[in-house]
Amino acid sequence: MKKYITLLSVATLILLVGCASQTMTATTYTEGDVGQAQIVRMGRIELAKPIKISARPTGLGGMTGAVAGSVIGSEIGRGNGSVLGSIAGVVAGGVGGALLEKDLNTVDGQELTVRLEDNSLISVAQEIDKATGPLGVGESVRVLSSPRGKTRVVR
C-alpha cells in the first residue's frame, strides 16, 4: 500500500507541475507569433509597477489533491476511522491542491507605462523575464504590436 501512496503522490506532483502556466515574457514567442509582421514604435518607460499575473485555475490541482488526500486519509484508522480519514483527506487535499495550483500559476510581472515618440502614453502588463530582469523607469524601449493586438515592451 505504501508503494501505491508514493506512486499517487508522485503522479499528483507531476500533474500539478504540468498545470504551471507557460511563460508570458516579452521575449517568448508562440508558434503563431513567428513570421507575423509587427508594428515597432520607440518609447521611454515612465512608470514600472510590480504586479502578479495569475492564470485561470483549471481545477486540476484541487481534484488531484482531493484524490491523493482521500487515498492517504483512508490509511488512517480502521472501519469508520478510515472513512472519516478519507473524508478529511478529500477536503484537505482539495484545498491544498487548489492553493498549490494557484501558486504554480502566478508569476511576477510589470505594468509598464511607456511614452511613445509621438508623446502618447500606453500601458502594457507583461511577465518579468528572469534572464534579462525587470525594465526600469527611463529606459529606452521598443514597443512591438502584432496584428492580433498583442503588445510587448522590449529593450
C-alpha atoms as a PDB file:
ATOM      1  CA  MET A   1       0.000   0.000   0.000  1.00  0.00           C
ATOM      2  CA  LYS A   2       2.905   2.383   0.729  1.00  0.00           C
ATOM      3  CA  LYS A   3       4.129   1.946  -2.859  1.00  0.00           C
ATOM      4  CA  TYR A   4       0.635   2.887  -4.084  1.00  0.00           C
ATOM      5  CA  ILE A   5       0.603   6.047  -1.950  1.00  0.00           C
ATOM      6  CA  THR A   6       4.105   7.012  -3.077  1.00  0.00           C
ATOM      7  CA  LEU A   7       3.164   6.467  -6.730  1.00  0.00           C
ATOM      8  CA  LEU A   8      -0.014   8.517  -6.320  1.00  0.00           C
ATOM      9  CA  SER A   9       1.915  11.326  -4.609  1.00  0.00           C
ATOM     10  CA  VAL A  10       4.479  11.454  -7.428  1.00  0.00           C
ATOM     11  CA  ALA A  11       1.695  11.421 -10.042  1.00  0.00           C
ATOM     12  CA  THR A  12      -0.044  14.271  -8.199  1.00  0.00           C
ATOM     13  CA  LEU A  13       3.128  16.344  -8.185  1.00  0.00           C
ATOM     14  CA  ILE A  14       3.685  15.725 -11.902  1.00  0.00           C
ATOM     15  CA  LEU A  15       0.108  16.750 -12.720  1.00  0.00           C
ATOM     16  CA  LEU A  16       0.344  19.909 -10.646  1.00  0.00           C
ATOM     17  CA  VAL A  17       3.659  20.922 -12.173  1.00  0.00           C
ATOM     18  CA  GLY A  18       2.072  20.297 -15.562  1.00  0.00           C
ATOM     19  CA  CYS A  19      -0.615  22.826 -14.617  1.00  0.00           C
ATOM     20  CA  ALA A  20       2.006  25.535 -14.283  1.00  0.00           C
ATOM     21  CA  SER A  21       1.438  28.339 -16.758  1.00  0.00           C
ATOM     22  CA  GLN A  22       3.667  28.847 -19.742  1.00  0.00           C
ATOM     23  CA  THR A  23       5.974  31.836 -19.676  1.00  0.00           C
ATOM     24  CA  MET A  24       4.461  35.150 -20.758  1.00  0.00           C
ATOM     25  CA  THR A  25       7.633  37.237 -21.092  1.00  0.00           C
ATOM     26  CA  ALA A  26       8.141  39.794 -23.843  1.00  0.00           C
ATOM     27  CA  THR A  27      10.920  37.652 -25.312  1.00  0.00           C
ATOM     28  CA  THR A  28       8.845  34.463 -25.563  1.00  0.00           C
ATOM     29  CA  TYR A  29       7.113  33.817 -28.851  1.00  0.00           C
ATOM     30  CA  THR A  30       4.486  31.216 -29.669  1.00  0.00           C
ATOM     31  CA  GLU A  31       4.381  29.348 -32.966  1.00  0.00           C
ATOM     32  CA  GLY A  32       1.602  31.694 -34.114  1.00  0.00           C
ATOM     33  CA  ASP A  33       3.819  34.751 -33.459  1.00  0.00           C
ATOM     34  CA  VAL A  34       6.604  33.550 -35.742  1.00  0.00           C
ATOM     35  CA  GLY A  35       6.525  35.093 -39.199  1.00  0.00           C
ATOM     36  CA  GLN A  36       3.979  37.767 -38.211  1.00  0.00           C
ATOM     37  CA  ALA A  37       4.985  41.335 -39.048  1.00  0.00           C
ATOM     38  CA  GLN A  38       4.808  43.604 -36.026  1.00  0.00           C
ATOM     39  CA  ILE A  39       4.489  47.353 -35.797  1.00  0.00           C
ATOM     40  CA  VAL A  40       7.535  48.767 -33.979  1.00  0.00           C
ATOM     41  CA  ARG A  41       7.329  52.022 -32.043  1.00  0.00           C
ATOM     42  CA  MET A  42      10.046  53.539 -29.907  1.00  0.00           C
ATOM     43  CA  GLY A  43       9.466  54.953 -26.449  1.00  0.00           C
ATOM     44  CA  ARG A  44      10.713  55.527 -22.934  1.00  0.00           C
ATOM     45  CA  ILE A  45       9.372  53.921 -19.752  1.00  0.00           C
ATOM     46  CA  GLU A  46       7.702  56.445 -17.455  1.00  0.00           C
ATOM     47  CA  LEU A  47       6.370  54.006 -14.828  1.00  0.00           C
ATOM     48  CA  ALA A  48       7.221  50.395 -13.989  1.00  0.00           C
ATOM     49  CA  LYS A  49       4.843  48.981 -11.396  1.00  0.00           C
ATOM     50  CA  PRO A  50       5.285  45.435  -9.999  1.00  0.00           C
ATOM     51  CA  ILE A  51       2.255  43.164 -10.445  1.00  0.00           C
ATOM     52  CA  LYS A  52       1.309  39.490 -10.078  1.00  0.00           C
ATOM     53  CA  ILE A  53      -0.046  37.651 -13.116  1.00  0.00           C
ATOM     54  CA  SER A  54      -2.313  34.672 -12.445  1.00  0.00           C
ATOM     55  CA  ALA A  55      -3.536  32.140 -14.980  1.00  0.00           C
ATOM     56  CA  ARG A  56      -7.118  30.924 -14.663  1.00  0.00           C
ATOM     57  CA  PRO A  57      -7.354  27.908 -12.374  1.00  0.00           C
ATOM     58  CA  THR A  58      -8.131  24.672 -14.183  1.00  0.00           C
ATOM     59  CA  GLY A  59      -9.462  22.856 -11.128  1.00  0.00           C
ATOM     60  CA  LEU A  60      -6.986  20.054 -11.801  1.00  0.00           C
ATOM     61  CA  GLY A  61      -4.944  20.938  -8.711  1.00  0.00           C
ATOM     62  CA  GLY A  62      -7.963  20.676  -6.405  1.00  0.00           C
ATOM     63  CA  MET A  63      -9.213  17.462  -7.995  1.00  0.00           C
ATOM     64  CA  THR A  64      -5.801  15.797  -7.924  1.00  0.00           C
ATOM     65  CA  GLY A  65      -5.230  16.918  -4.336  1.00  0.00           C
ATOM     66  CA  ALA A  66      -8.643  15.579  -3.296  1.00  0.00           C
ATOM     67  CA  VAL A  67      -7.925  12.160  -4.818  1.00  0.00           C
ATOM     68  CA  ALA A  68      -4.495  11.970  -3.197  1.00  0.00           C
ATOM     69  CA  GLY A  69      -5.911  13.178   0.132  1.00  0.00           C
ATOM     70  CA  SER A  70      -8.656  10.563   0.006  1.00  0.00           C
ATOM     71  CA  VAL A  71      -6.190   7.738  -0.566  1.00  0.00           C
ATOM     72  CA  ILE A  72      -3.799   8.922   2.108  1.00  0.00           C
ATOM     73  CA  GLY A  73      -6.634   9.727   4.555  1.00  0.00           C
ATOM     74  CA  SER A  74      -8.171   6.275   4.129  1.00  0.00           C
ATOM     75  CA  GLU A  75      -4.967   4.784   5.555  1.00  0.00           C
ATOM     76  CA  ILE A  76      -5.767   6.415   8.894  1.00  0.00           C
ATOM     77  CA  GLY A  77      -7.633   4.141  11.293  1.00  0.00           C
ATOM     78  CA  ARG A  78      -9.910   1.174  10.610  1.00  0.00           C
ATOM     79  CA  GLY A  79     -13.639   0.984   9.849  1.00  0.00           C
ATOM     80  CA  ASN A  80     -15.327   4.340  10.495  1.00  0.00           C
ATOM     81  CA  GLY A  81     -11.934   5.912  11.241  1.00  0.00           C
ATOM     82  CA  SER A  82     -10.826   5.040   7.733  1.00  0.00           C
ATOM     83  CA  VAL A  83     -13.948   6.657   6.242  1.00  0.00           C
ATOM     84  CA  LEU A  84     -13.524   9.816   8.336  1.00  0.00           C
ATOM     85  CA  GLY A  85      -9.839   9.958   7.438  1.00  0.00           C
ATOM     86  CA  SER A  86     -10.737   9.652   3.770  1.00  0.00           C
ATOM     87  CA  ILE A  87     -13.297  12.477   4.016  1.00  0.00           C
ATOM     88  CA  ALA A  88     -10.818  14.714   5.848  1.00  0.00           C
ATOM     89  CA  GLY A  89      -8.191  13.837   3.228  1.00  0.00           C
ATOM     90  CA  VAL A  90     -10.524  14.828   0.388  1.00  0.00           C
ATOM     91  CA  VAL A  91     -11.146  18.242   1.946  1.00  0.00           C
ATOM     92  CA  ALA A  92      -7.541  18.928   2.958  1.00  0.00           C
ATOM     93  CA  GLY A  93      -6.114  17.575  -0.305  1.00  0.00           C
ATOM     94  CA  GLY A  94      -8.596  19.529  -2.416  1.00  0.00           C
ATOM     95  CA  VAL A  95      -7.849  22.812  -0.677  1.00  0.00           C
ATOM     96  CA  GLY A  96      -4.093  22.174  -0.676  1.00  0.00           C
ATOM     97  CA  GLY A  97      -4.073  21.155  -4.338  1.00  0.00           C
ATOM     98  CA  ALA A  98      -6.044  24.245  -5.362  1.00  0.00           C
ATOM     99  CA  LEU A  99      -3.666  26.529  -3.433  1.00  0.00           C
ATOM    100  CA  LEU A 100      -0.628  24.807  -4.949  1.00  0.00           C
ATOM    101  CA  GLU A 101      -2.058  25.161  -8.464  1.00  0.00           C
ATOM    102  CA  LYS A 102      -2.685  28.880  -7.859  1.00  0.00           C
ATOM    103  CA  ASP A 103       0.862  29.362  -6.570  1.00  0.00           C
ATOM    104  CA  LEU A 104       2.390  27.490  -9.522  1.00  0.00           C
ATOM    105  CA  ASN A 105       0.344  29.579 -11.968  1.00  0.00           C
ATOM    106  CA  THR A 106       1.240  33.014 -10.545  1.00  0.00           C
ATOM    107  CA  VAL A 107       4.262  34.896 -11.887  1.00  0.00           C
ATOM    108  CA  ASP A 108       5.914  38.249 -11.227  1.00  0.00           C
ATOM    109  CA  GLY A 109       5.162  40.905 -13.803  1.00  0.00           C
ATOM    110  CA  GLN A 110       5.237  44.611 -14.506  1.00  0.00           C
ATOM    111  CA  GLU A 111       2.692  47.148 -15.608  1.00  0.00           C
ATOM    112  CA  LEU A 112       4.725  49.415 -17.863  1.00  0.00           C
ATOM    113  CA  THR A 113       3.635  52.917 -18.823  1.00  0.00           C
ATOM    114  CA  VAL A 114       5.519  53.958 -21.949  1.00  0.00           C
ATOM    115  CA  ARG A 115       5.665  57.404 -23.551  1.00  0.00           C
ATOM    116  CA  LEU A 116       5.905  56.865 -27.277  1.00  0.00           C
ATOM    117  CA  GLU A 117       7.820  59.124 -29.679  1.00  0.00           C
ATOM    118  CA  ASP A 118       4.544  60.831 -30.708  1.00  0.00           C
ATOM    119  CA  ASN A 119       4.144  61.796 -26.993  1.00  0.00           C
ATOM    120  CA  SER A 120       1.173  59.417 -26.454  1.00  0.00           C
ATOM    121  CA  LEU A 121       1.113  57.076 -23.454  1.00  0.00           C
ATOM    122  CA  ILE A 122       0.382  53.353 -23.441  1.00  0.00           C
ATOM    123  CA  SER A 123       0.331  50.789 -20.645  1.00  0.00           C
ATOM    124  CA  VAL A 124       1.328  47.136 -21.086  1.00  0.00           C
ATOM    125  CA  ALA A 125       1.309  44.333 -18.495  1.00  0.00           C
ATOM    126  CA  GLN A 126       3.812  41.522 -19.018  1.00  0.00           C
ATOM    127  CA  GLU A 127       5.807  38.912 -17.108  1.00  0.00           C
ATOM    128  CA  ILE A 128       9.303  39.813 -15.951  1.00  0.00           C
ATOM    129  CA  ASP A 129      11.872  37.871 -17.962  1.00  0.00           C
ATOM    130  CA  LYS A 130      14.111  36.092 -15.437  1.00  0.00           C
ATOM    131  CA  ALA A 131      17.029  36.146 -17.892  1.00  0.00           C
ATOM    132  CA  THR A 132      17.016  39.916 -18.511  1.00  0.00           C
ATOM    133  CA  GLY A 133      15.320  41.228 -15.369  1.00  0.00           C
ATOM    134  CA  PRO A 134      12.713  43.949 -14.957  1.00  0.00           C
ATOM    135  CA  LEU A 135      12.538  47.027 -17.151  1.00  0.00           C
ATOM    136  CA  GLY A 136      13.203  50.333 -15.397  1.00  0.00           C
ATOM    137  CA  VAL A 137      11.950  53.902 -15.483  1.00  0.00           C
ATOM    138  CA  GLY A 138      13.825  55.969 -18.064  1.00  0.00           C
ATOM    139  CA  GLU A 139      14.836  53.020 -20.249  1.00  0.00           C
ATOM    140  CA  SER A 140      14.504  53.401 -23.999  1.00  0.00           C
ATOM    141  CA  VAL A 141      12.391  50.528 -25.317  1.00  0.00           C
ATOM    142  CA  ARG A 142      10.776  49.124 -28.422  1.00  0.00           C
ATOM    143  CA  VAL A 143       7.029  48.530 -28.316  1.00  0.00           C
ATOM    144  CA  LEU A 144       6.039  45.655 -30.605  1.00  0.00           C
ATOM    145  CA  SER A 145       2.381  45.269 -31.589  1.00  0.00           C
ATOM    146  CA  SER A 146       1.123  42.266 -33.535  1.00  0.00           C
ATOM    147  CA  PRO A 147      -1.796  42.256 -35.988  1.00  0.00           C
ATOM    148  CA  ARG A 148      -3.760  40.234 -33.392  1.00  0.00           C
ATOM    149  CA  GLY A 149      -3.447  43.030 -30.846  1.00  0.00           C
ATOM    150  CA  LYS A 150      -0.730  41.565 -28.606  1.00  0.00           C
ATOM    151  CA  THR A 151       1.761  44.214 -27.472  1.00  0.00           C
ATOM    152  CA  ARG A 152       5.105  43.671 -25.766  1.00  0.00           C
ATOM    153  CA  VAL A 153       7.787  46.009 -24.475  1.00  0.00           C
ATOM    154  CA  VAL A 154      11.425  45.031 -25.056  1.00  0.00           C
ATOM    155  CA  ARG A 155      14.864  46.539 -24.647  1.00  0.00           C
END
